[in-house]
Amino acid sequence: MIRTQRAFFITVRICILMFYLLMVLLPFYWLFITSVKPRMDILTTNIQYWPKNFTLDNYRVLWSSSNFDVFLKNSILVSLGTGVFTTCFAILGGYALARYTFKLKTMAVYGLLLTQMIPGVLVMIPTAILFSKVGLMNSLGGLIIIYIVGNIPFCLILMRSFFDRIPVDLEEAALIDGCSKLGALFRIVLPIMLPGIVATFVFAFIGAWNELLCAIMFISSDELKTIPVGLSMFVQNYDVNWGVMTAGAVMALLPSLIMFAIVQRFVVEGLSDGAVKG
């Protein structure tokens, strides 16, 4: 009887997980098959679970008739810059919050959390006015600054939780051996925290890679637009080029998928470790 109940619950759990996996993968599958369909097959009312007329014309049009290579280069540059600088600032800020005691420390943490509740659209106009005065409008550098500021609060708190799980005794032993504070941080602590650092970098990278609103508002030149803005250009007043748009979406997913495939072990380990002490 006990074995029967256990087998039943295992079967139910597997069925639920399979259903969840199907719901997660179905949009990606539909995105791909739409990108390899001719225009008339996309617009037909008959549902096709596999394209009858397989074609790569949408991908050819994407690379030949649009600036997708420019969009891709800009997205990679902005996302890498955001990820690297955000991670560096989060390391230093998270270390200060985890290791030092100072007045208003608790208020500082609550203030960082409070910033996550403020809609980004509320600061769009003041930021645009400020950037126009300092010459950062329509520049990738200005866009990177916006993304860094937007990602730092969460990444800083996340990094603080990683530092909390590292015993202070390791740093004290390094100080006794002659290391400075920075030496102990870079030689002892950070190598241990590699999964957490990778998780923070990936979070900032993906946040910048997928962002649309700021990129539309602060970038006007076609040669500086990122992939989300470039894909939105396929939506016209009376028509949407679904084939080319989905082909661009598939290409936009590839860098993220490749990066996750490489660092997924570090990301999972880092997020789980950060959740223990956070």
Protein backbone atom coordinates (compact mmCIF):
# COMPACT_ATOMS: atom_id res chain seq x y z
CA MET A 1 0.00 0.00 0.00
CA ILE A 2 2.78 2.41 0.92
CA ARG A 3 4.68 1.55 -2.25
CA THR A 4 1.56 2.11 -4.32
CA GLN A 5 0.99 5.56 -2.79
CA ARG A 6 4.62 6.48 -3.26
CA ALA A 7 4.56 5.40 -6.91
CA PHE A 8 1.34 7.39 -7.43
CA PHE A 9 2.82 10.60 -5.97
CA ILE A 10 6.02 10.16 -8.01
CA THR A 11 3.94 9.71 -11.16
CA VAL A 12 1.87 12.81 -10.39
CA ARG A 13 5.03 14.82 -9.71
CA ILE A 14 6.58 13.71 -13.00
CA CYS A 15 3.40 14.59 -14.91
CA ILE A 16 3.29 18.06 -13.33
CA LEU A 17 6.96 18.68 -14.15
CA MET A 18 6.46 17.45 -17.73
CA PHE A 19 3.47 19.76 -18.16
CA TYR A 20 5.47 22.68 -16.76
CA LEU A 21 8.39 21.87 -19.08
CA LEU A 22 6.00 21.78 -22.04
CA MET A 23 4.56 25.18 -21.14
CA VAL A 24 8.07 26.63 -20.87
CA LEU A 25 9.37 25.17 -24.13
CA LEU A 26 6.24 25.69 -26.25
CA PRO A 27 6.76 29.46 -26.81
CA PHE A 28 10.37 28.86 -27.90
CA TYR A 29 9.30 26.07 -30.23
CA TRP A 30 6.55 28.22 -31.74
CA LEU A 31 9.02 31.08 -32.15
CA PHE A 32 11.40 28.85 -34.08
CA ILE A 33 8.88 27.24 -36.42
CA THR A 34 7.40 30.66 -37.20
CA SER A 35 10.85 31.91 -38.19
CA VAL A 36 11.21 29.12 -40.79
CA LYS A 37 7.76 29.53 -42.38
CA PRO A 38 6.98 31.52 -45.53
CA ARG A 39 4.94 34.67 -45.04
CA MET A 40 1.70 33.15 -46.39
CA ASP A 41 1.99 30.12 -44.10
CA ILE A 42 2.42 32.41 -41.08
CA LEU A 43 -0.71 34.40 -41.93
CA THR A 44 -2.90 31.37 -42.65
CA THR A 45 -5.63 30.48 -40.17
CA ASN A 46 -4.69 26.79 -40.24
CA ILE A 47 -2.50 25.84 -37.29
CA GLN A 48 0.75 24.19 -38.39
CA TYR A 49 2.74 22.43 -35.69
CA TRP A 50 5.54 21.92 -38.19
CA PRO A 51 6.17 24.11 -41.26
CA LYS A 52 4.97 22.55 -44.50
CA ASN A 53 7.28 24.74 -46.56
CA PHE A 54 10.52 25.03 -44.62
CA THR A 55 12.52 28.13 -45.57
CA LEU A 56 15.43 30.22 -44.31
CA ASP A 57 14.41 33.32 -46.24
CA ASN A 58 13.49 35.16 -43.05
CA TYR A 59 17.04 34.76 -41.77
CA ARG A 60 18.50 35.88 -45.11
CA VAL A 61 16.32 39.00 -45.05
CA LEU A 62 17.25 39.63 -41.43
CA TRP A 63 20.99 39.73 -42.17
CA SER A 64 20.87 41.31 -45.62
CA SER A 65 18.09 43.90 -45.45
CA SER A 66 18.40 45.14 -41.87
CA ASN A 67 21.14 46.32 -39.53
CA PHE A 68 20.84 43.28 -37.31
CA ASP A 69 24.62 42.81 -37.16
CA VAL A 70 24.90 46.38 -35.84
CA PHE A 71 22.11 45.78 -33.32
CA LEU A 72 23.84 42.59 -32.18
CA LYS A 73 27.19 44.33 -31.74
CA ASN A 74 25.62 47.17 -29.76
CA SER A 75 23.69 44.78 -27.51
CA ILE A 76 26.81 42.75 -26.76
CA LEU A 77 28.81 45.89 -26.00
CA VAL A 78 26.13 47.40 -23.75
CA SER A 79 25.36 44.14 -21.94
CA LEU A 80 29.01 43.26 -21.33
CA GLY A 81 29.77 46.77 -20.10
CA THR A 82 26.76 46.70 -17.81
CA GLY A 83 27.59 43.25 -16.47
CA VAL A 84 31.27 43.97 -15.79
CA PHE A 85 30.84 47.39 -14.14
CA THR A 86 27.76 46.37 -12.16
CA THR A 87 29.53 43.30 -10.83
CA CYS A 88 32.61 45.32 -9.81
CA PHE A 89 30.53 47.92 -7.99
CA ALA A 90 28.39 45.21 -6.38
CA ILE A 91 31.49 43.41 -5.10
CA LEU A 92 32.85 46.50 -3.38
CA GLY A 93 29.47 47.65 -2.05
CA GLY A 94 28.42 44.18 -0.95
CA TYR A 95 31.72 43.72 0.88
CA ALA A 96 31.21 47.00 2.74
CA LEU A 97 27.67 46.06 3.78
CA ALA A 98 28.71 42.58 4.89
CA ARG A 99 31.95 43.35 6.72
CA TYR A 100 31.66 46.87 8.12
CA THR A 101 29.35 48.32 10.75
CA PHE A 102 28.37 51.96 10.38
CA LYS A 103 25.50 54.27 11.18
CA LEU A 104 22.38 53.99 9.06
CA LYS A 105 23.59 50.68 7.62
CA THR A 106 20.15 49.14 8.01
CA MET A 107 18.54 52.20 6.45
CA ALA A 108 20.95 51.93 3.52
CA VAL A 109 19.87 48.33 2.88
CA TYR A 110 16.19 49.26 3.11
CA GLY A 111 16.86 52.18 0.78
CA LEU A 112 18.34 49.83 -1.80
CA LEU A 113 15.31 47.58 -1.53
CA LEU A 114 13.01 50.57 -1.82
CA THR A 115 14.52 51.56 -5.15
CA GLN A 116 13.27 48.26 -6.60
CA MET A 117 9.68 49.38 -5.93
CA ILE A 118 9.99 52.59 -7.95
CA PRO A 119 8.78 52.23 -11.57
CA GLY A 120 11.52 53.12 -14.00
CA VAL A 121 9.21 55.33 -16.07
CA LEU A 122 9.02 57.82 -13.19
CA VAL A 123 12.67 58.78 -13.60
CA MET A 124 12.76 58.71 -17.40
CA ILE A 125 12.08 62.41 -18.00
CA PRO A 126 14.45 63.75 -15.27
CA THR A 127 17.17 61.40 -16.52
CA ALA A 128 16.60 62.50 -20.12
CA ILE A 129 16.89 66.17 -19.12
CA LEU A 130 20.09 65.49 -17.18
CA PHE A 131 21.63 63.42 -19.98
CA SER A 132 20.79 66.05 -22.60
CA LYS A 133 22.68 68.67 -20.56
CA VAL A 134 25.79 66.52 -20.08
CA GLY A 135 25.84 65.12 -23.63
CA LEU A 136 24.95 61.52 -22.86
CA MET A 137 21.79 61.31 -24.95
CA ASN A 138 22.03 59.02 -27.96
CA SER A 139 25.18 57.28 -26.74
CA LEU A 140 25.92 53.73 -25.71
CA GLY A 141 27.89 55.04 -22.74
CA GLY A 142 24.82 56.82 -21.41
CA LEU A 143 22.75 53.66 -21.88
CA ILE A 144 25.32 51.62 -19.97
CA ILE A 145 25.22 54.14 -17.11
CA ILE A 146 21.43 53.86 -16.91
CA TYR A 147 21.57 50.07 -16.82
CA ILE A 148 24.32 50.07 -14.19
CA VAL A 149 22.33 52.38 -11.93
CA GLY A 150 19.22 50.26 -12.42
CA ASN A 151 20.94 46.95 -11.67
CA ILE A 152 23.27 47.95 -8.83
CA PRO A 153 20.72 47.93 -5.93
CA PHE A 154 19.61 44.32 -6.40
CA CYS A 155 23.08 43.08 -7.38
CA LEU A 156 24.62 44.80 -4.35
CA ILE A 157 22.18 43.13 -1.98
CA LEU A 158 22.72 39.82 -3.76
CA MET A 159 26.49 40.15 -3.44
CA ARG A 160 26.16 41.05 0.24
CA SER A 161 24.42 37.72 0.86
CA PHE A 162 27.35 35.93 -0.80
CA PHE A 163 29.85 37.69 1.44
CA ASP A 164 27.79 36.81 4.52
CA ARG A 165 28.36 33.11 3.91
CA ILE A 166 32.16 33.49 3.75
CA PRO A 167 33.72 33.06 7.23
CA VAL A 168 35.55 36.17 8.45
CA ASP A 169 38.24 33.85 9.84
CA LEU A 170 39.64 33.35 6.33
CA GLU A 171 40.30 37.07 5.95
CA GLU A 172 41.74 37.37 9.45
CA ALA A 173 44.14 34.52 8.70
CA ALA A 174 45.20 36.28 5.49
CA LEU A 175 45.74 39.55 7.39
CA ILE A 176 47.95 37.74 9.90
CA ASP A 177 49.98 36.34 7.00
CA GLY A 178 50.64 39.86 5.75
CA CYS A 179 47.81 40.51 3.29
CA SER A 180 46.09 43.87 3.16
CA LYS A 181 42.31 44.18 3.23
CA LEU A 182 42.16 44.36 -0.57
CA GLY A 183 44.68 41.55 -0.86
CA ALA A 184 42.57 39.29 1.33
CA LEU A 185 39.50 40.24 -0.68
CA PHE A 186 40.98 39.54 -4.12
CA ARG A 187 43.22 36.61 -3.23
CA ILE A 188 41.12 34.70 -0.71
CA VAL A 189 37.47 35.72 -0.74
CA LEU A 190 36.66 36.37 -4.41
CA PRO A 191 37.99 33.01 -5.71
CA ILE A 192 35.67 31.27 -3.25
CA MET A 193 32.79 33.50 -4.36
CA LEU A 194 33.16 32.75 -8.08
CA PRO A 195 29.65 31.23 -8.41
CA GLY A 196 28.12 34.30 -6.78
CA ILE A 197 30.09 36.66 -8.99
CA VAL A 198 29.00 34.79 -12.11
CA ALA A 199 25.36 34.82 -10.97
CA THR A 200 25.51 38.58 -10.41
CA PHE A 201 27.14 39.17 -13.80
CA VAL A 202 24.55 37.05 -15.59
CA PHE A 203 21.68 38.88 -13.88
CA ALA A 204 23.05 42.28 -14.95
CA PHE A 205 23.89 41.04 -18.46
CA ILE A 206 20.42 39.62 -19.12
CA GLY A 207 18.75 42.71 -17.67
CA ALA A 208 20.62 44.94 -20.12
CA TRP A 209 20.23 42.51 -23.03
CA ASN A 210 16.42 42.42 -22.80
CA GLU A 211 15.73 46.07 -21.89
CA LEU A 212 13.63 48.04 -24.39
CA LEU A 213 12.11 51.16 -22.86
CA CYS A 214 15.33 53.03 -22.01
CA ALA A 215 16.94 51.97 -25.29
CA ILE A 216 14.03 53.45 -27.26
CA MET A 217 13.98 56.70 -25.29
CA PHE A 218 17.70 57.43 -25.06
CA ILE A 219 18.90 56.09 -28.43
CA SER A 220 17.77 57.66 -31.71
CA SER A 221 20.50 56.76 -34.22
CA ASP A 222 20.05 53.52 -36.14
CA GLU A 223 23.76 52.69 -35.80
CA LEU A 224 23.45 52.75 -31.97
CA LYS A 225 20.24 50.79 -31.49
CA THR A 226 20.21 47.48 -29.62
CA ILE A 227 18.44 44.25 -30.55
CA PRO A 228 15.13 44.92 -28.68
CA VAL A 229 14.80 48.28 -30.45
CA GLY A 230 15.80 46.74 -33.77
CA LEU A 231 13.16 44.03 -33.48
CA SER A 232 10.49 46.61 -32.65
CA MET A 233 11.22 48.30 -35.99
CA PHE A 234 9.60 45.36 -37.77
CA VAL A 235 6.25 46.43 -36.28
CA GLN A 236 4.85 48.94 -38.75
CA ASN A 237 1.64 50.94 -38.80
CA TYR A 238 -0.42 48.46 -40.82
CA ASP A 239 1.73 45.38 -40.95
CA VAL A 240 4.05 43.20 -38.87
CA ASN A 241 6.79 41.17 -40.52
CA TRP A 242 6.38 38.20 -38.23
CA GLY A 243 8.82 35.96 -40.07
CA VAL A 244 11.79 38.32 -39.91
CA MET A 245 10.89 39.40 -36.38
CA THR A 246 10.82 35.85 -35.06
CA ALA A 247 14.06 35.08 -36.90
CA GLY A 248 15.63 38.05 -35.12
CA ALA A 249 14.20 36.87 -31.79
CA VAL A 250 15.74 33.42 -32.32
CA MET A 251 19.12 34.98 -33.11
CA ALA A 252 18.79 37.25 -30.07
CA LEU A 253 18.22 34.22 -27.85
CA LEU A 254 21.37 32.40 -28.97
CA PRO A 255 23.96 34.48 -27.04
CA SER A 256 21.94 34.15 -23.82
CA LEU A 257 21.49 30.40 -24.31
CA ILE A 258 25.18 29.90 -25.05
CA MET A 259 26.20 31.91 -21.99
CA PHE A 260 23.78 30.01 -19.75
CA ALA A 261 25.01 26.69 -21.13
CA ILE A 262 28.57 27.65 -20.20
CA VAL A 263 27.97 29.15 -16.75
CA GLN A 264 24.70 27.51 -15.63
CA ARG A 265 26.50 25.44 -12.97
CA PHE A 266 27.94 28.58 -11.40
CA VAL A 267 24.62 30.44 -11.66
CA VAL A 268 22.61 27.71 -9.92
CA GLU A 269 25.25 27.26 -7.21
CA GLY A 270 25.59 31.01 -6.71
CA LEU A 271 21.87 31.71 -6.46
CA SER A 272 21.30 28.81 -4.05
CA ASP A 273 24.22 29.93 -1.87
CA GLY A 274 22.97 33.50 -1.85
CA ALA A 275 19.50 32.38 -0.83
CA VAL A 276 20.80 30.61 2.29
CA LYS A 277 22.03 33.72 4.05
CA GLY A 278 20.01 36.37 2.22
